[in-house]
Amino acid sequence: MQMITGDRYDGCELELAKICCKCENDNFISEIGSCHQCLPLSKFGFYRGRVTKKVAMNFYGVKEKLLTAVPHVYRNGRSSYERATLENFIYRTCGSKKEWLKHLVKVRMRREKAEAARRRSNDLFVFLDNREAELVYYVHKDDYKWLDMKDREHWYPRFQALEAAFQDAGLRIELDSKPCKDFIRNGIGSAKDVVNDVRQD
């Protein structure tokens, strides 16, 4: 596929270029880092011809329940699939090679978003676990548990910004004050304004 110019397909989606080989033969980049046609047979003979179940699911985007319909070899507790057979099955299922590539882009984008969300959640929990007792008490009040995780994630950078502003001013953060609560929970005002409000009180 002429992924850069789009010469072979009108309105060619540029995002497909991210998963296709530079040889421009409509082949996506395999788990080895190149399309299977570009792999040196002498070096990657096995990988060029067959793929494992894990690769079929993770790199080809085939759901596990669909793999039961694909001819395969079961050996030493592992299933392997002929690349050509697997790809032909995918083309028939998706309608065409291009439709499969578009589907694969969507699958990988969803996977990347899910992974990013998981990392953000982990960062948040690690952050909370390592905070001083006053913050742990503050964020575990009854209303906090009803917040959506996306809302909670906003608390993390707001608290960091507010804590830094108080430290710069030589003050201790007062989490129970209304300006602090409004800023951390709802993003009302700025960290600098909150410090000034608390200082005046």
C-alpha atoms as a PDB file:
ATOM      1  CA  MET A   1       0.000   0.000   0.000  1.00  0.00           C
ATOM      2  CA  GLN A   2       1.352   3.418  -0.872  1.00  0.00           C
ATOM      3  CA  MET A   3       0.903   4.488   2.714  1.00  0.00           C
ATOM      4  CA  ILE A   4       2.512   7.893   2.396  1.00  0.00           C
ATOM      5  CA  THR A   5       1.057   9.117  -0.899  1.00  0.00           C
ATOM      6  CA  GLY A   6      -2.149   7.113  -0.925  1.00  0.00           C
ATOM      7  CA  ASP A   7      -1.708   6.447  -4.657  1.00  0.00           C
ATOM      8  CA  ARG A   8      -3.280   3.009  -4.574  1.00  0.00           C
ATOM      9  CA  TYR A   9      -6.249   3.907  -2.410  1.00  0.00           C
ATOM     10  CA  ASP A  10      -8.273   7.107  -2.562  1.00  0.00           C
ATOM     11  CA  GLY A  11      -8.495   8.756   0.834  1.00  0.00           C
ATOM     12  CA  CYS A  12      -5.863   6.419   2.253  1.00  0.00           C
ATOM     13  CA  GLU A  13      -5.777   6.700   6.030  1.00  0.00           C
ATOM     14  CA  LEU A  14      -2.353   7.840   7.135  1.00  0.00           C
ATOM     15  CA  GLU A  15      -2.686   6.005  10.439  1.00  0.00           C
ATOM     16  CA  LEU A  16      -2.370   2.738   8.513  1.00  0.00           C
ATOM     17  CA  ALA A  17       1.231   3.679   7.758  1.00  0.00           C
ATOM     18  CA  LYS A  18       2.080   3.059  11.400  1.00  0.00           C
ATOM     19  CA  ILE A  19       1.331  -0.648  11.134  1.00  0.00           C
ATOM     20  CA  CYS A  20       2.455  -1.336   7.545  1.00  0.00           C
ATOM     21  CA  CYS A  21       5.862  -2.349   6.248  1.00  0.00           C
ATOM     22  CA  LYS A  22       7.989   0.104   4.262  1.00  0.00           C
ATOM     23  CA  CYS A  23       7.994  -2.281   1.296  1.00  0.00           C
ATOM     24  CA  GLU A  24       4.487  -0.940   0.510  1.00  0.00           C
ATOM     25  CA  ASN A  25       3.057  -4.349  -0.383  1.00  0.00           C
ATOM     26  CA  ASP A  26      -0.043  -4.004   1.779  1.00  0.00           C
ATOM     27  CA  ASN A  27       1.610  -6.038   4.538  1.00  0.00           C
ATOM     28  CA  PHE A  28       1.529  -5.056   8.179  1.00  0.00           C
ATOM     29  CA  ILE A  29       4.564  -5.160  10.455  1.00  0.00           C
ATOM     30  CA  SER A  30       4.720  -8.527  12.183  1.00  0.00           C
ATOM     31  CA  GLU A  31       5.938  -9.350  15.667  1.00  0.00           C
ATOM     32  CA  ILE A  32       9.477  -9.636  14.252  1.00  0.00           C
ATOM     33  CA  GLY A  33       9.513  -5.984  13.198  1.00  0.00           C
ATOM     34  CA  SER A  34       8.922  -6.410   9.467  1.00  0.00           C
ATOM     35  CA  CYS A  35       6.332  -7.915   7.156  1.00  0.00           C
ATOM     36  CA  HIS A  36       6.681 -11.664   6.633  1.00  0.00           C
ATOM     37  CA  GLN A  37       7.666 -11.217   2.981  1.00  0.00           C
ATOM     38  CA  CYS A  38      10.660  -9.086   3.948  1.00  0.00           C
ATOM     39  CA  LEU A  39      11.944 -11.450   6.637  1.00  0.00           C
ATOM     40  CA  PRO A  40      15.116 -13.355   5.683  1.00  0.00           C
ATOM     41  CA  LEU A  41      13.970 -16.948   5.394  1.00  0.00           C
ATOM     42  CA  SER A  42      17.303 -18.307   6.609  1.00  0.00           C
ATOM     43  CA  LYS A  43      17.112 -16.303   9.828  1.00  0.00           C
ATOM     44  CA  PHE A  44      13.398 -16.353  10.566  1.00  0.00           C
ATOM     45  CA  GLY A  45      12.260 -19.465   8.765  1.00  0.00           C
ATOM     46  CA  PHE A  46       9.846 -20.668  11.445  1.00  0.00           C
ATOM     47  CA  TYR A  47       8.453 -17.235  12.225  1.00  0.00           C
ATOM     48  CA  ARG A  48       7.986 -16.451   8.568  1.00  0.00           C
ATOM     49  CA  GLY A  49       5.776 -19.478   8.050  1.00  0.00           C
ATOM     50  CA  ARG A  50       3.821 -19.882  11.288  1.00  0.00           C
ATOM     51  CA  VAL A  51       2.553 -17.847  14.222  1.00  0.00           C
ATOM     52  CA  THR A  52       1.512 -18.801  17.729  1.00  0.00           C
ATOM     53  CA  LYS A  53      -1.957 -18.306  19.165  1.00  0.00           C
ATOM     54  CA  LYS A  54      -0.720 -15.360  21.213  1.00  0.00           C
ATOM     55  CA  VAL A  55       0.689 -13.631  18.132  1.00  0.00           C
ATOM     56  CA  ALA A  56      -2.498 -14.293  16.179  1.00  0.00           C
ATOM     57  CA  MET A  57      -4.495 -12.541  18.881  1.00  0.00           C
ATOM     58  CA  ASN A  58      -2.120  -9.715  19.817  1.00  0.00           C
ATOM     59  CA  PHE A  59      -0.637  -8.796  16.435  1.00  0.00           C
ATOM     60  CA  TYR A  60      -3.309  -9.949  13.986  1.00  0.00           C
ATOM     61  CA  GLY A  61      -6.199  -8.838  16.173  1.00  0.00           C
ATOM     62  CA  VAL A  62      -8.119 -12.119  15.893  1.00  0.00           C
ATOM     63  CA  LYS A  63     -10.440 -12.958  18.766  1.00  0.00           C
ATOM     64  CA  GLU A  64      -9.778 -16.262  20.478  1.00  0.00           C
ATOM     65  CA  LYS A  65     -13.213 -17.668  19.671  1.00  0.00           C
ATOM     66  CA  LEU A  66     -12.615 -17.081  15.939  1.00  0.00           C
ATOM     67  CA  LEU A  67      -9.299 -18.921  15.970  1.00  0.00           C
ATOM     68  CA  THR A  68     -11.130 -22.207  16.425  1.00  0.00           C
ATOM     69  CA  ALA A  69     -12.240 -21.894  12.792  1.00  0.00           C
ATOM     70  CA  VAL A  70      -8.661 -21.556  11.515  1.00  0.00           C
ATOM     71  CA  PRO A  71      -6.718 -24.754  10.674  1.00  0.00           C
ATOM     72  CA  HIS A  72      -3.785 -25.114  13.029  1.00  0.00           C
ATOM     73  CA  VAL A  73      -1.196 -27.489  14.412  1.00  0.00           C
ATOM     74  CA  TYR A  74      -1.194 -28.365  18.103  1.00  0.00           C
ATOM     75  CA  ARG A  75       2.193 -29.459  19.369  1.00  0.00           C
ATOM     76  CA  ASN A  76       3.886 -29.421  22.783  1.00  0.00           C
ATOM     77  CA  GLY A  77       0.898 -27.711  24.337  1.00  0.00           C
ATOM     78  CA  ARG A  78       0.874 -24.863  21.824  1.00  0.00           C
ATOM     79  CA  SER A  79      -1.196 -24.056  18.752  1.00  0.00           C
ATOM     80  CA  SER A  80       0.447 -22.558  15.675  1.00  0.00           C
ATOM     81  CA  TYR A  81      -1.074 -21.194  12.486  1.00  0.00           C
ATOM     82  CA  GLU A  82       0.185 -20.822   8.937  1.00  0.00           C
ATOM     83  CA  ARG A  83       0.497 -17.112   8.245  1.00  0.00           C
ATOM     84  CA  ALA A  84      -1.001 -17.417   4.770  1.00  0.00           C
ATOM     85  CA  THR A  85      -3.954 -19.462   6.052  1.00  0.00           C
ATOM     86  CA  LEU A  86      -4.527 -17.081   8.947  1.00  0.00           C
ATOM     87  CA  GLU A  87      -4.341 -14.001   6.736  1.00  0.00           C
ATOM     88  CA  ASN A  88      -6.707 -15.438   4.131  1.00  0.00           C
ATOM     89  CA  PHE A  89      -9.184 -16.242   6.898  1.00  0.00           C
ATOM     90  CA  ILE A  90      -8.903 -12.673   8.183  1.00  0.00           C
ATOM     91  CA  TYR A  91      -9.435 -11.186   4.713  1.00  0.00           C
ATOM     92  CA  ARG A  92     -12.583 -13.260   4.253  1.00  0.00           C
ATOM     93  CA  THR A  93     -13.855 -12.319   7.700  1.00  0.00           C
ATOM     94  CA  CYS A  94     -13.177  -8.585   7.308  1.00  0.00           C
ATOM     95  CA  GLY A  95     -14.049  -8.382   3.612  1.00  0.00           C
ATOM     96  CA  SER A  96     -10.663  -7.232   2.317  1.00  0.00           C
ATOM     97  CA  LYS A  97      -7.076  -6.644   3.344  1.00  0.00           C
ATOM     98  CA  LYS A  98      -7.627  -2.913   3.719  1.00  0.00           C
ATOM     99  CA  GLU A  99     -10.681  -3.419   5.933  1.00  0.00           C
ATOM    100  CA  TRP A 100      -8.635  -5.746   8.107  1.00  0.00           C
ATOM    101  CA  LEU A 101      -5.853  -3.158   8.416  1.00  0.00           C
ATOM    102  CA  LYS A 102      -8.404  -0.520   9.402  1.00  0.00           C
ATOM    103  CA  HIS A 103      -9.848  -2.944  11.961  1.00  0.00           C
ATOM    104  CA  LEU A 104      -6.363  -3.662  13.288  1.00  0.00           C
ATOM    105  CA  VAL A 105      -5.667   0.050  13.740  1.00  0.00           C
ATOM    106  CA  LYS A 106      -8.858   0.408  15.793  1.00  0.00           C
ATOM    107  CA  VAL A 107      -8.004  -2.641  17.898  1.00  0.00           C
ATOM    108  CA  ARG A 108      -4.536  -1.326  18.662  1.00  0.00           C
ATOM    109  CA  MET A 109      -5.823   2.163  19.436  1.00  0.00           C
ATOM    110  CA  ARG A 110      -8.327   0.720  21.918  1.00  0.00           C
ATOM    111  CA  ARG A 111      -5.573  -1.376  23.451  1.00  0.00           C
ATOM    112  CA  GLU A 112      -3.253   1.624  23.767  1.00  0.00           C
ATOM    113  CA  LYS A 113      -5.989   3.730  25.368  1.00  0.00           C
ATOM    114  CA  ALA A 114      -6.797   0.947  27.830  1.00  0.00           C
ATOM    115  CA  GLU A 115      -3.120   0.574  28.702  1.00  0.00           C
ATOM    116  CA  ALA A 116      -2.747   4.331  29.175  1.00  0.00           C
ATOM    117  CA  ALA A 117      -5.797   4.371  31.455  1.00  0.00           C
ATOM    118  CA  ARG A 118      -4.389   1.454  33.438  1.00  0.00           C
ATOM    119  CA  ARG A 119      -1.066   3.263  33.894  1.00  0.00           C
ATOM    120  CA  ARG A 120      -2.830   6.435  35.028  1.00  0.00           C
ATOM    121  CA  SER A 121      -4.872   4.471  37.547  1.00  0.00           C
ATOM    122  CA  ASN A 122      -1.786   2.709  38.868  1.00  0.00           C
ATOM    123  CA  ASP A 123       0.055   6.017  39.178  1.00  0.00           C
ATOM    124  CA  LEU A 124      -2.865   7.473  41.092  1.00  0.00           C
ATOM    125  CA  PHE A 125      -3.089   4.581  43.548  1.00  0.00           C
ATOM    126  CA  VAL A 126       0.670   4.579  44.114  1.00  0.00           C
ATOM    127  CA  PHE A 127       0.473   8.311  44.708  1.00  0.00           C
ATOM    128  CA  LEU A 128      -2.326   7.949  47.245  1.00  0.00           C
ATOM    129  CA  ASP A 129      -0.633   5.059  49.001  1.00  0.00           C
ATOM    130  CA  ASN A 130       2.471   7.158  49.551  1.00  0.00           C
ATOM    131  CA  ARG A 131       0.812  10.373  50.688  1.00  0.00           C
ATOM    132  CA  GLU A 132       0.827  11.754  54.190  1.00  0.00           C
ATOM    133  CA  ALA A 133      -2.033  10.813  56.494  1.00  0.00           C
ATOM    134  CA  GLU A 134      -3.823  14.117  55.926  1.00  0.00           C
ATOM    135  CA  LEU A 135      -4.238  13.473  52.195  1.00  0.00           C
ATOM    136  CA  VAL A 136      -5.268   9.857  52.684  1.00  0.00           C
ATOM    137  CA  TYR A 137      -7.932  11.055  55.113  1.00  0.00           C
ATOM    138  CA  TYR A 138      -9.023  13.791  52.737  1.00  0.00           C
ATOM    139  CA  VAL A 139      -9.475  11.664  49.637  1.00  0.00           C
ATOM    140  CA  HIS A 140     -11.160   8.801  51.451  1.00  0.00           C
ATOM    141  CA  LYS A 141     -14.084  10.817  52.732  1.00  0.00           C
ATOM    142  CA  ASP A 142     -17.506   9.446  51.861  1.00  0.00           C
ATOM    143  CA  ASP A 143     -18.031  11.581  48.777  1.00  0.00           C
ATOM    144  CA  TYR A 144     -14.714  10.535  47.252  1.00  0.00           C
ATOM    145  CA  LYS A 145     -15.703   6.907  46.761  1.00  0.00           C
ATOM    146  CA  TRP A 146     -18.600   7.973  44.547  1.00  0.00           C
ATOM    147  CA  LEU A 147     -16.377   9.839  42.116  1.00  0.00           C
ATOM    148  CA  ASP A 148     -15.658   8.339  38.726  1.00  0.00           C
ATOM    149  CA  MET A 149     -12.028   7.287  38.288  1.00  0.00           C
ATOM    150  CA  LYS A 150     -11.599   9.915  35.574  1.00  0.00           C
ATOM    151  CA  ASP A 151     -12.647  12.556  38.102  1.00  0.00           C
ATOM    152  CA  ARG A 152     -10.265  11.173  40.677  1.00  0.00           C
ATOM    153  CA  GLU A 153      -7.404  11.359  38.197  1.00  0.00           C
ATOM    154  CA  HIS A 154      -7.863  15.122  38.026  1.00  0.00           C
ATOM    155  CA  TRP A 155      -7.273  15.342  41.781  1.00  0.00           C
ATOM    156  CA  TYR A 156      -3.768  13.972  41.399  1.00  0.00           C
ATOM    157  CA  PRO A 157      -2.174  16.810  39.338  1.00  0.00           C
ATOM    158  CA  ARG A 158      -4.249  19.469  41.133  1.00  0.00           C
ATOM    159  CA  PHE A 159      -3.008  18.356  44.523  1.00  0.00           C
ATOM    160  CA  GLN A 160       0.578  18.298  43.260  1.00  0.00           C
ATOM    161  CA  ALA A 161       0.253  21.829  41.886  1.00  0.00           C
ATOM    162  CA  LEU A 162      -1.346  23.077  45.088  1.00  0.00           C
ATOM    163  CA  GLU A 163       1.211  21.407  47.323  1.00  0.00           C
ATOM    164  CA  ALA A 164       4.049  22.948  45.300  1.00  0.00           C
ATOM    165  CA  ALA A 165       2.439  26.410  45.515  1.00  0.00           C
ATOM    166  CA  PHE A 166       2.135  26.161  49.300  1.00  0.00           C
ATOM    167  CA  GLN A 167       5.741  24.996  49.616  1.00  0.00           C
ATOM    168  CA  ASP A 168       6.947  27.911  47.474  1.00  0.00           C
ATOM    169  CA  ALA A 169       5.079  30.264  49.798  1.00  0.00           C
ATOM    170  CA  GLY A 170       6.612  28.630  52.873  1.00  0.00           C
ATOM    171  CA  LEU A 171       3.223  27.413  54.072  1.00  0.00           C
ATOM    172  CA  ARG A 172       1.708  24.060  54.927  1.00  0.00           C
ATOM    173  CA  ILE A 173      -1.128  22.963  52.684  1.00  0.00           C
ATOM    174  CA  GLU A 174      -4.517  23.164  54.415  1.00  0.00           C
ATOM    175  CA  LEU A 175      -6.604  20.486  52.777  1.00  0.00           C
ATOM    176  CA  ASP A 176      -9.670  21.079  54.933  1.00  0.00           C
ATOM    177  CA  SER A 177     -10.017  24.691  53.817  1.00  0.00           C
ATOM    178  CA  LYS A 178     -12.785  25.433  51.307  1.00  0.00           C
ATOM    179  CA  PRO A 179     -10.458  26.987  48.667  1.00  0.00           C
ATOM    180  CA  CYS A 180      -8.270  23.857  48.737  1.00  0.00           C
ATOM    181  CA  LYS A 181     -11.268  21.564  48.439  1.00  0.00           C
ATOM    182  CA  ASP A 182     -12.763  23.568  45.584  1.00  0.00           C
ATOM    183  CA  PHE A 183      -9.480  23.583  43.686  1.00  0.00           C
ATOM    184  CA  ILE A 184      -8.603  19.912  44.139  1.00  0.00           C
ATOM    185  CA  ARG A 185     -12.097  18.548  43.597  1.00  0.00           C
ATOM    186  CA  ASN A 186     -13.472  20.920  40.982  1.00  0.00           C
ATOM    187  CA  GLY A 187     -10.514  22.851  39.590  1.00  0.00           C
ATOM    188  CA  ILE A 188     -11.929  26.187  40.808  1.00  0.00           C
ATOM    189  CA  GLY A 189      -9.352  28.972  40.754  1.00  0.00           C
ATOM    190  CA  SER A 190      -5.595  28.578  40.491  1.00  0.00           C
ATOM    191  CA  ALA A 191      -3.063  27.167  42.934  1.00  0.00           C
ATOM    192  CA  LYS A 192      -1.631  30.655  43.480  1.00  0.00           C
ATOM    193  CA  ASP A 193      -5.083  32.111  44.189  1.00  0.00           C
ATOM    194  CA  VAL A 194      -5.789  29.354  46.706  1.00  0.00           C
ATOM    195  CA  VAL A 195      -2.570  30.103  48.565  1.00  0.00           C
ATOM    196  CA  ASN A 196      -3.455  33.802  48.714  1.00  0.00           C
ATOM    197  CA  ASP A 197      -6.990  33.056  49.939  1.00  0.00           C
ATOM    198  CA  VAL A 198      -5.754  30.732  52.682  1.00  0.00           C
ATOM    199  CA  ARG A 199      -3.060  33.197  53.703  1.00  0.00           C
ATOM    200  CA  GLN A 200      -5.615  36.001  54.062  1.00  0.00           C
ATOM    201  CA  ASP A 201      -7.884  33.823  56.175  1.00  0.00           C
END
